[in-house]
PDB file of N, CA and C in Angstrom:
ATOM      1  N   MET A   1       6.853  -9.756  -9.188  1.00  0.00           N
ATOM      2  CA  MET A   1       6.308  -8.781  -8.173  1.00  0.00           C
ATOM      3  C   MET A   1       6.044  -9.652  -7.158  1.00  0.00           C
ATOM      4  N   GLU A   2       6.313  -9.447  -6.233  1.00  0.00           N
ATOM      5  CA  GLU A   2       5.742  -9.449  -4.757  1.00  0.00           C
ATOM      6  C   GLU A   2       4.270  -9.672  -4.201  1.00  0.00           C
ATOM      7  N   LYS A   3       3.766 -10.470  -4.067  1.00  0.00           N
ATOM      8  CA  LYS A   3       2.176 -10.413  -4.024  1.00  0.00           C
ATOM      9  C   LYS A   3       1.679 -10.501  -2.678  1.00  0.00           C
ATOM     10  N   VAL A   4       1.440  -9.802  -1.613  1.00  0.00           N
ATOM     11  CA  VAL A   4       0.515  -9.819  -1.217  1.00  0.00           C
ATOM     12  C   VAL A   4      -1.122 -10.028  -0.368  1.00  0.00           C
ATOM     13  N   ASN A   5      -0.918 -10.679   0.515  1.00  0.00           N
ATOM     14  CA  ASN A   5      -2.868 -10.726   0.486  1.00  0.00           C
ATOM     15  C   ASN A   5      -3.422  -9.964   1.680  1.00  0.00           C
ATOM     16  N   PHE A   6      -5.048  -9.188   1.611  1.00  0.00           N
ATOM     17  CA  PHE A   6      -5.459  -8.832   2.807  1.00  0.00           C
ATOM     18  C   PHE A   6      -6.953  -8.429   2.921  1.00  0.00           C
ATOM     19  N   THR A   7      -6.812  -9.369   3.992  1.00  0.00           N
ATOM     20  CA  THR A   7      -7.961  -9.210   4.278  1.00  0.00           C
ATOM     21  C   THR A   7      -9.024  -8.208   5.310  1.00  0.00           C
ATOM     22  N   ASP A   8      -9.891  -7.834   4.026  1.00  0.00           N
ATOM     23  CA  ASP A   8     -11.339  -6.685   5.145  1.00  0.00           C
ATOM     24  C   ASP A   8     -11.595  -7.117   6.319  1.00  0.00           C
ATOM     25  N   PRO A   9     -11.562  -5.973   7.138  1.00  0.00           N
ATOM     26  CA  PRO A   9     -11.599  -6.645   8.897  1.00  0.00           C
ATOM     27  C   PRO A   9     -13.395  -6.476   8.891  1.00  0.00           C
ATOM     28  N   ASP A  10     -13.672  -5.181   7.854  1.00  0.00           N
ATOM     29  CA  ASP A  10     -15.305  -5.371   7.980  1.00  0.00           C
ATOM     30  C   ASP A  10     -16.211  -6.582   7.645  1.00  0.00           C
ATOM     31  N   THR A  11     -15.659  -7.281   5.840  1.00  0.00           N
ATOM     32  CA  THR A  11     -16.296  -8.088   4.934  1.00  0.00           C
ATOM     33  C   THR A  11     -15.426  -9.345   5.566  1.00  0.00           C
ATOM     34  N   GLY A  12     -14.052  -9.436   5.693  1.00  0.00           N
ATOM     35  CA  GLY A  12     -13.852 -10.764   5.851  1.00  0.00           C
ATOM     36  C   GLY A  12     -13.168 -11.310   4.948  1.00  0.00           C
ATOM     37  N   ASP A  13     -13.575 -10.040   3.713  1.00  0.00           N
ATOM     38  CA  ASP A  13     -13.084 -10.661   2.183  1.00  0.00           C
ATOM     39  C   ASP A  13     -11.823 -10.621   2.106  1.00  0.00           C
ATOM     40  N   SER A  14     -10.937 -12.198   1.532  1.00  0.00           N
ATOM     41  CA  SER A  14     -10.028 -11.525   0.860  1.00  0.00           C
ATOM     42  C   SER A  14      -9.295 -11.422  -0.218  1.00  0.00           C
ATOM     43  N   LEU A  15      -8.389 -10.465  -0.420  1.00  0.00           N
ATOM     44  CA  LEU A  15      -8.314  -9.311  -1.810  1.00  0.00           C
ATOM     45  C   LEU A  15      -6.592  -9.479  -1.667  1.00  0.00           C
ATOM     46  N   GLU A  16      -6.373  -9.877  -3.309  1.00  0.00           N
ATOM     47  CA  GLU A  16      -4.367 -10.550  -3.434  1.00  0.00           C
ATOM     48  C   GLU A  16      -4.350  -9.182  -4.121  1.00  0.00           C
ATOM     49  N   PHE A  17      -3.067  -8.348  -3.642  1.00  0.00           N
ATOM     50  CA  PHE A  17      -2.515  -7.182  -4.154  1.00  0.00           C
ATOM     51  C   PHE A  17      -1.430  -7.509  -4.862  1.00  0.00           C
ATOM     52  N   PHE A  18      -0.393  -6.982  -5.861  1.00  0.00           N
ATOM     53  CA  PHE A  18       0.800  -6.990  -6.258  1.00  0.00           C
ATOM     54  C   PHE A  18       1.394  -5.604  -5.274  1.00  0.00           C
ATOM     55  N   VAL A  19       2.871  -5.271  -5.236  1.00  0.00           N
ATOM     56  CA  VAL A  19       3.268  -4.416  -4.212  1.00  0.00           C
ATOM     57  C   VAL A  19       4.134  -3.908  -5.145  1.00  0.00           C
ATOM     58  N   LEU A  20       4.079  -2.427  -5.228  1.00  0.00           N
ATOM     59  CA  LEU A  20       4.526  -2.197  -6.596  1.00  0.00           C
ATOM     60  C   LEU A  20       6.159  -0.995  -6.237  1.00  0.00           C
ATOM     61  N   GLU A  21       5.841  -0.309  -4.399  1.00  0.00           N
ATOM     62  CA  GLU A  21       6.489   0.198  -4.221  1.00  0.00           C
ATOM     63  C   GLU A  21       6.643  -0.055  -2.563  1.00  0.00           C
ATOM     64  N   GLN A  22       7.590   0.240  -1.459  1.00  0.00           N
ATOM     65  CA  GLN A  22       7.636  -0.082  -0.392  1.00  0.00           C
ATOM     66  C   GLN A  22       8.744   1.450   0.275  1.00  0.00           C
ATOM     67  N   THR A  23       8.451   1.622   1.721  1.00  0.00           N
ATOM     68  CA  THR A  23       8.926   2.618   1.808  1.00  0.00           C
ATOM     69  C   THR A  23       8.755   2.638   3.009  1.00  0.00           C
ATOM     70  N   THR A  24       9.287   4.005   4.086  1.00  0.00           N
ATOM     71  CA  THR A  24       9.151   4.001   5.597  1.00  0.00           C
ATOM     72  C   THR A  24       9.880   5.180   5.672  1.00  0.00           C
ATOM     73  N   ILE A  25       8.760   5.653   6.485  1.00  0.00           N
ATOM     74  CA  ILE A  25       8.649   7.664   6.710  1.00  0.00           C
ATOM     75  C   ILE A  25       8.602   7.507   8.453  1.00  0.00           C
ATOM     76  N   ARG A  26       9.076   8.478   8.928  1.00  0.00           N
ATOM     77  CA  ARG A  26       8.828   8.335  10.391  1.00  0.00           C
ATOM     78  C   ARG A  26       8.854   6.677  11.050  1.00  0.00           C
ATOM     79  N   GLY A  27       9.196   5.864  10.950  1.00  0.00           N
ATOM     80  CA  GLY A  27       9.813   4.217  11.662  1.00  0.00           C
ATOM     81  C   GLY A  27       7.968   3.716  11.001  1.00  0.00           C
ATOM     82  N   ILE A  28       7.280   4.625  10.542  1.00  0.00           N
ATOM     83  CA  ILE A  28       5.898   3.945   9.521  1.00  0.00           C
ATOM     84  C   ILE A  28       6.045   3.001   8.126  1.00  0.00           C
ATOM     85  N   ASN A  29       6.005   1.695   8.279  1.00  0.00           N
ATOM     86  CA  ASN A  29       5.985   1.228   7.048  1.00  0.00           C
ATOM     87  C   ASN A  29       4.540   0.990   5.837  1.00  0.00           C
ATOM     88  N   TYR A  30       5.217   1.557   4.393  1.00  0.00           N
ATOM     89  CA  TYR A  30       3.934   2.002   3.728  1.00  0.00           C
ATOM     90  C   TYR A  30       4.065   1.218   2.548  1.00  0.00           C
ATOM     91  N   LEU A  31       3.287   0.196   1.767  1.00  0.00           N
ATOM     92  CA  LEU A  31       2.748  -0.008   0.980  1.00  0.00           C
ATOM     93  C   LEU A  31       2.281   0.134  -0.574  1.00  0.00           C
ATOM     94  N   LEU A  32       2.593   1.220  -1.371  1.00  0.00           N
ATOM     95  CA  LEU A  32       1.955   0.770  -2.726  1.00  0.00           C
ATOM     96  C   LEU A  32       1.842  -0.256  -3.374  1.00  0.00           C
ATOM     97  N   VAL A  33       0.092  -0.436  -3.770  1.00  0.00           N
ATOM     98  CA  VAL A  33      -0.068  -1.226  -4.242  1.00  0.00           C
ATOM     99  C   VAL A  33      -0.745  -1.355  -5.232  1.00  0.00           C
ATOM    100  N   THR A  34      -1.547  -3.091  -6.029  1.00  0.00           N
ATOM    101  CA  THR A  34      -2.478  -2.968  -7.123  1.00  0.00           C
ATOM    102  C   THR A  34      -2.699  -3.701  -6.969  1.00  0.00           C
ATOM    103  N   VAL A  35      -4.199  -3.899  -7.945  1.00  0.00           N
ATOM    104  CA  VAL A  35      -4.764  -5.134  -8.302  1.00  0.00           C
ATOM    105  C   VAL A  35      -4.048  -5.743  -9.148  1.00  0.00           C
ATOM    106  N   ASP A  36      -4.075  -4.569 -10.268  1.00  0.00           N
ATOM    107  CA  ASP A  36      -3.324  -5.820 -11.301  1.00  0.00           C
ATOM    108  C   ASP A  36      -1.998  -5.843 -11.560  1.00  0.00           C
ATOM    109  N   GLU A  37      -1.013  -7.041 -12.100  1.00  0.00           N
ATOM    110  CA  GLU A  37       0.226  -6.949 -12.054  1.00  0.00           C
ATOM    111  C   GLU A  37       0.513  -5.480 -13.196  1.00  0.00           C
ATOM    112  N   GLU A  38       0.317  -5.739 -14.442  1.00  0.00           N
ATOM    113  CA  GLU A  38       0.338  -5.245 -15.003  1.00  0.00           C
ATOM    114  C   GLU A  38      -0.798  -3.776 -15.647  1.00  0.00           C
ATOM    115  N   GLY A  39       0.246  -2.506 -16.367  1.00  0.00           N
ATOM    116  CA  GLY A  39      -1.053  -1.969 -16.879  1.00  0.00           C
ATOM    117  C   GLY A  39      -0.912  -1.007 -15.755  1.00  0.00           C
ATOM    118  N   ASP A  40      -2.535  -0.263 -16.047  1.00  0.00           N
ATOM    119  CA  ASP A  40      -3.027   1.230 -15.548  1.00  0.00           C
ATOM    120  C   ASP A  40      -4.281   0.094 -14.916  1.00  0.00           C
ATOM    121  N   SER A  41      -4.048   0.972 -13.256  1.00  0.00           N
ATOM    122  CA  SER A  41      -4.986  -0.409 -12.700  1.00  0.00           C
ATOM    123  C   SER A  41      -4.818   0.945 -11.357  1.00  0.00           C
ATOM    124  N   ASP A  42      -6.557   0.564 -10.589  1.00  0.00           N
ATOM    125  CA  ASP A  42      -5.989   1.232  -8.923  1.00  0.00           C
ATOM    126  C   ASP A  42      -5.276   0.798  -8.137  1.00  0.00           C
ATOM    127  N   ALA A  43      -4.875   2.154  -7.629  1.00  0.00           N
ATOM    128  CA  ALA A  43      -3.409   1.653  -6.681  1.00  0.00           C
ATOM    129  C   ALA A  43      -4.042   2.045  -5.183  1.00  0.00           C
ATOM    130  N   PHE A  44      -3.409   1.563  -4.179  1.00  0.00           N
ATOM    131  CA  PHE A  44      -3.948   1.641  -2.863  1.00  0.00           C
ATOM    132  C   PHE A  44      -2.587   1.706  -2.352  1.00  0.00           C
ATOM    133  N   ILE A  45      -2.487   2.635  -0.699  1.00  0.00           N
ATOM    134  CA  ILE A  45      -1.517   2.812   0.327  1.00  0.00           C
ATOM    135  C   ILE A  45      -2.127   2.213   1.197  1.00  0.00           C
ATOM    136  N   LEU A  46      -0.989   0.979   1.544  1.00  0.00           N
ATOM    137  CA  LEU A  46      -1.397   0.185   3.045  1.00  0.00           C
ATOM    138  C   LEU A  46      -0.375   1.157   3.971  1.00  0.00           C
ATOM    139  N   ARG A  47      -0.733   1.496   5.507  1.00  0.00           N
ATOM    140  CA  ARG A  47       0.131   1.373   5.898  1.00  0.00           C
ATOM    141  C   ARG A  47      -0.040   0.273   7.507  1.00  0.00           C
ATOM    142  N   GLU A  48       1.505  -0.540   7.552  1.00  0.00           N
ATOM    143  CA  GLU A  48       1.838  -1.144   8.677  1.00  0.00           C
ATOM    144  C   GLU A  48       1.080  -0.164   9.692  1.00  0.00           C
ATOM    145  N   LYS A  49      -0.139  -1.345  10.438  1.00  0.00           N
ATOM    146  CA  LYS A  49      -0.515  -1.172  11.881  1.00  0.00           C
ATOM    147  C   LYS A  49       0.191  -2.255  12.932  1.00  0.00           C
ATOM    148  N   GLU A  50       0.850  -3.178  12.246  1.00  0.00           N
ATOM    149  CA  GLU A  50       1.548  -3.875  13.644  1.00  0.00           C
ATOM    150  C   GLU A  50       1.721  -5.248  13.257  1.00  0.00           C
ATOM    151  N   ILE A  51       3.369  -5.790  13.877  1.00  0.00           N
ATOM    152  CA  ILE A  51       3.704  -6.680  13.691  1.00  0.00           C
ATOM    153  C   ILE A  51       3.059  -7.688  13.654  1.00  0.00           C
ATOM    154  N   GLU A  52       1.922  -9.106  13.568  1.00  0.00           N
ATOM    155  CA  GLU A  52       1.306 -10.205  13.944  1.00  0.00           C
ATOM    156  C   GLU A  52       2.712 -10.876  14.197  1.00  0.00           C
ATOM    157  N   ASP A  53       3.517 -11.637  13.470  1.00  0.00           N
ATOM    158  CA  ASP A  53       4.682 -12.772  14.134  1.00  0.00           C
ATOM    159  C   ASP A  53       5.782 -12.374  12.825  1.00  0.00           C
ATOM    160  N   ASP A  54       6.993 -13.260  13.061  1.00  0.00           N
ATOM    161  CA  ASP A  54       7.421 -13.104  12.253  1.00  0.00           C
ATOM    162  C   ASP A  54       7.335 -12.644  10.970  1.00  0.00           C
ATOM    163  N   GLN A  55       6.485 -13.807   9.937  1.00  0.00           N
ATOM    164  CA  GLN A  55       6.860 -13.437   8.854  1.00  0.00           C
ATOM    165  C   GLN A  55       5.549 -12.312   8.979  1.00  0.00           C
ATOM    166  N   ASN A  56       4.315 -11.851   9.468  1.00  0.00           N
ATOM    167  CA  ASN A  56       2.884 -11.332   8.770  1.00  0.00           C
ATOM    168  C   ASN A  56       3.107 -10.002   9.730  1.00  0.00           C
ATOM    169  N   ALA A  57       2.393  -9.364   9.024  1.00  0.00           N
ATOM    170  CA  ALA A  57       2.116  -7.803   9.474  1.00  0.00           C
ATOM    171  C   ALA A  57       0.666  -7.329   9.129  1.00  0.00           C
ATOM    172  N   ILE A  58       0.135  -6.889   9.681  1.00  0.00           N
ATOM    173  CA  ILE A  58      -1.196  -6.218   9.425  1.00  0.00           C
ATOM    174  C   ILE A  58      -0.685  -4.468   9.295  1.00  0.00           C
ATOM    175  N   TYR A  59      -1.634  -4.839   7.889  1.00  0.00           N
ATOM    176  CA  TYR A  59      -1.849  -3.533   7.525  1.00  0.00           C
ATOM    177  C   TYR A  59      -3.331  -2.594   7.101  1.00  0.00           C
ATOM    178  N   GLU A  60      -3.455  -1.885   6.862  1.00  0.00           N
ATOM    179  CA  GLU A  60      -4.289  -0.878   6.894  1.00  0.00           C
ATOM    180  C   GLU A  60      -4.410  -0.153   5.595  1.00  0.00           C
ATOM    181  N   MET A  61      -5.869   0.319   5.168  1.00  0.00           N
ATOM    182  CA  MET A  61      -5.742   1.475   3.987  1.00  0.00           C
ATOM    183  C   MET A  61      -5.590   2.991   4.698  1.00  0.00           C
ATOM    184  N   VAL A  62      -4.891   3.629   3.837  1.00  0.00           N
ATOM    185  CA  VAL A  62      -4.418   5.125   4.093  1.00  0.00           C
ATOM    186  C   VAL A  62      -5.644   5.507   3.361  1.00  0.00           C
ATOM    187  N   GLU A  63      -6.455   6.039   4.994  1.00  0.00           N
ATOM    188  CA  GLU A  63      -7.660   6.871   4.331  1.00  0.00           C
ATOM    189  C   GLU A  63      -7.545   8.719   4.506  1.00  0.00           C
ATOM    190  N   ASP A  64      -7.112   8.445   5.067  1.00  0.00           N
ATOM    191  CA  ASP A  64      -6.978  10.522   5.816  1.00  0.00           C
ATOM    192  C   ASP A  64      -6.400  10.970   4.697  1.00  0.00           C
ATOM    193  N   ASP A  65      -7.354  12.610   4.095  1.00  0.00           N
ATOM    194  CA  ASP A  65      -6.385  12.687   3.257  1.00  0.00           C
ATOM    195  C   ASP A  65      -5.599  13.360   3.132  1.00  0.00           C
ATOM    196  N   LYS A  66      -5.001  14.176   3.783  1.00  0.00           N
ATOM    197  CA  LYS A  66      -3.480  14.650   4.272  1.00  0.00           C
ATOM    198  C   LYS A  66      -2.444  14.008   4.121  1.00  0.00           C
ATOM    199  N   GLU A  67      -2.907  12.744   4.931  1.00  0.00           N
ATOM    200  CA  GLU A  67      -1.708  11.686   4.780  1.00  0.00           C
ATOM    201  C   GLU A  67      -1.791  10.967   3.586  1.00  0.00           C
ATOM    202  N   LEU A  68      -2.181  10.464   2.897  1.00  0.00           N
ATOM    203  CA  LEU A  68      -2.555  10.290   1.362  1.00  0.00           C
ATOM    204  C   LEU A  68      -1.930  11.158   0.442  1.00  0.00           C
ATOM    205  N   SER A  69      -1.926  11.814   0.566  1.00  0.00           N
ATOM    206  CA  SER A  69      -1.514  12.579  -0.361  1.00  0.00           C
ATOM    207  C   SER A  69       0.322  13.718  -0.797  1.00  0.00           C
ATOM    208  N   SER A  70       0.388  13.331   0.947  1.00  0.00           N
ATOM    209  CA  SER A  70       1.778  13.129   1.070  1.00  0.00           C
ATOM    210  C   SER A  70       2.430  11.889   0.611  1.00  0.00           C
ATOM    211  N   ILE A  71       2.101  11.323   1.458  1.00  0.00           N
ATOM    212  CA  ILE A  71       3.066   9.398   1.456  1.00  0.00           C
ATOM    213  C   ILE A  71       2.848   9.335  -0.573  1.00  0.00           C
ATOM    214  N   ALA A  72       1.558   9.539  -1.306  1.00  0.00           N
ATOM    215  CA  ALA A  72       1.667   9.705  -2.220  1.00  0.00           C
ATOM    216  C   ALA A  72       2.900  10.564  -3.076  1.00  0.00           C
ATOM    217  N   LYS A  73       2.904  11.363  -3.156  1.00  0.00           N
ATOM    218  CA  LYS A  73       4.112  12.203  -3.498  1.00  0.00           C
ATOM    219  C   LYS A  73       4.980  11.332  -2.883  1.00  0.00           C
ATOM    220  N   ILE A  74       5.443  10.417  -2.496  1.00  0.00           N
ATOM    221  CA  ILE A  74       6.925   9.873  -2.388  1.00  0.00           C
ATOM    222  C   ILE A  74       6.955   8.698  -2.667  1.00  0.00           C
ATOM    223  N   PHE A  75       5.723   8.053  -2.941  1.00  0.00           N
ATOM    224  CA  PHE A  75       5.727   7.260  -4.119  1.00  0.00           C
ATOM    225  C   PHE A  75       6.098   7.760  -5.369  1.00  0.00           C
ATOM    226  N   GLU A  76       5.697   8.842  -5.685  1.00  0.00           N
ATOM    227  CA  GLU A  76       5.613   9.475  -7.399  1.00  0.00           C
ATOM    228  C   GLU A  76       7.237   9.770  -7.013  1.00  0.00           C
ATOM    229  N   GLU A  77       7.625  10.333  -6.606  1.00  0.00           N
ATOM    230  CA  GLU A  77       9.417   9.986  -6.298  1.00  0.00           C
ATOM    231  C   GLU A  77       9.775   9.230  -6.909  1.00  0.00           C
ATOM    232  N   LEU A  78       9.579   8.227  -6.090  1.00  0.00           N
ATOM    233  CA  LEU A  78      10.766   7.123  -6.096  1.00  0.00           C
ATOM    234  C   LEU A  78      10.396   6.006  -6.953  1.00  0.00           C
ATOM    235  N   LEU A  79       8.879   6.218  -7.397  1.00  0.00           N
ATOM    236  CA  LEU A  79       9.199   5.639  -8.782  1.00  0.00           C
ATOM    237  C   LEU A  79       9.028   6.294 -10.160  1.00  0.00           C
ATOM    238  N   GLU A  80       9.335   7.490 -10.348  1.00  0.00           N
ATOM    239  CA  GLU A  80       9.291   8.654 -11.015  1.00  0.00           C
ATOM    240  C   GLU A  80       8.628   8.476 -12.311  1.00  0.00           C
ATOM    241  N   ASP A  81       8.274   7.313 -12.894  1.00  0.00           N
ATOM    242  CA  ASP A  81       7.214   7.630 -14.404  1.00  0.00           C
ATOM    243  C   ASP A  81       6.020   7.338 -13.550  1.00  0.00           C
ATOM    244  N   VAL A  82       5.929   7.392 -12.531  1.00  0.00           N
ATOM    245  CA  VAL A  82       4.376   7.395 -12.163  1.00  0.00           C
ATOM    246  C   VAL A  82       3.311   8.653 -11.356  1.00  0.00           C
ATOM    247  N   GLU A  83       2.474   8.638 -11.959  1.00  0.00           N
ATOM    248  CA  GLU A  83       1.449   9.757 -11.332  1.00  0.00           C
ATOM    249  C   GLU A  83       0.443   9.177 -10.227  1.00  0.00           C
ATOM    250  N   ILE A  84       0.511   9.385  -9.301  1.00  0.00           N
ATOM    251  CA  ILE A  84      -0.684   9.290  -8.069  1.00  0.00           C
ATOM    252  C   ILE A  84      -1.937   9.728  -8.049  1.00  0.00           C
ATOM    253  N   GLU A  85      -2.854   9.810  -8.315  1.00  0.00           N
ATOM    254  CA  GLU A  85      -4.527  10.818  -8.039  1.00  0.00           C
ATOM    255  C   GLU A  85      -4.620  10.408  -6.983  1.00  0.00           C
ATOM    256  N   ALA A  86      -4.677  11.312  -5.387  1.00  0.00           N
ATOM    257  CA  ALA A  86      -4.554  11.256  -3.949  1.00  0.00           C
ATOM    258  C   ALA A  86      -6.108  11.071  -4.105  1.00  0.00           C
TER     259      ALA A  86
END
């Protein structure tokens, strides 16, 4: 499973996430990520904010309830056996 590093813009803390799924909707890339590689865990949806260079992109957590709910439904359909509570 692919890993990505996420740096909190407020604290500068670095977190490592495992990418469960990726999708593009209306030209925007989204990642469904989790802290633990296996088992039940909190998951987060990240939205690509900008491309920094050829190998790095900047993502932000989706916090808007309406956007979060609609993207979560898409990830549930893609993964089939996963239920996401937004």
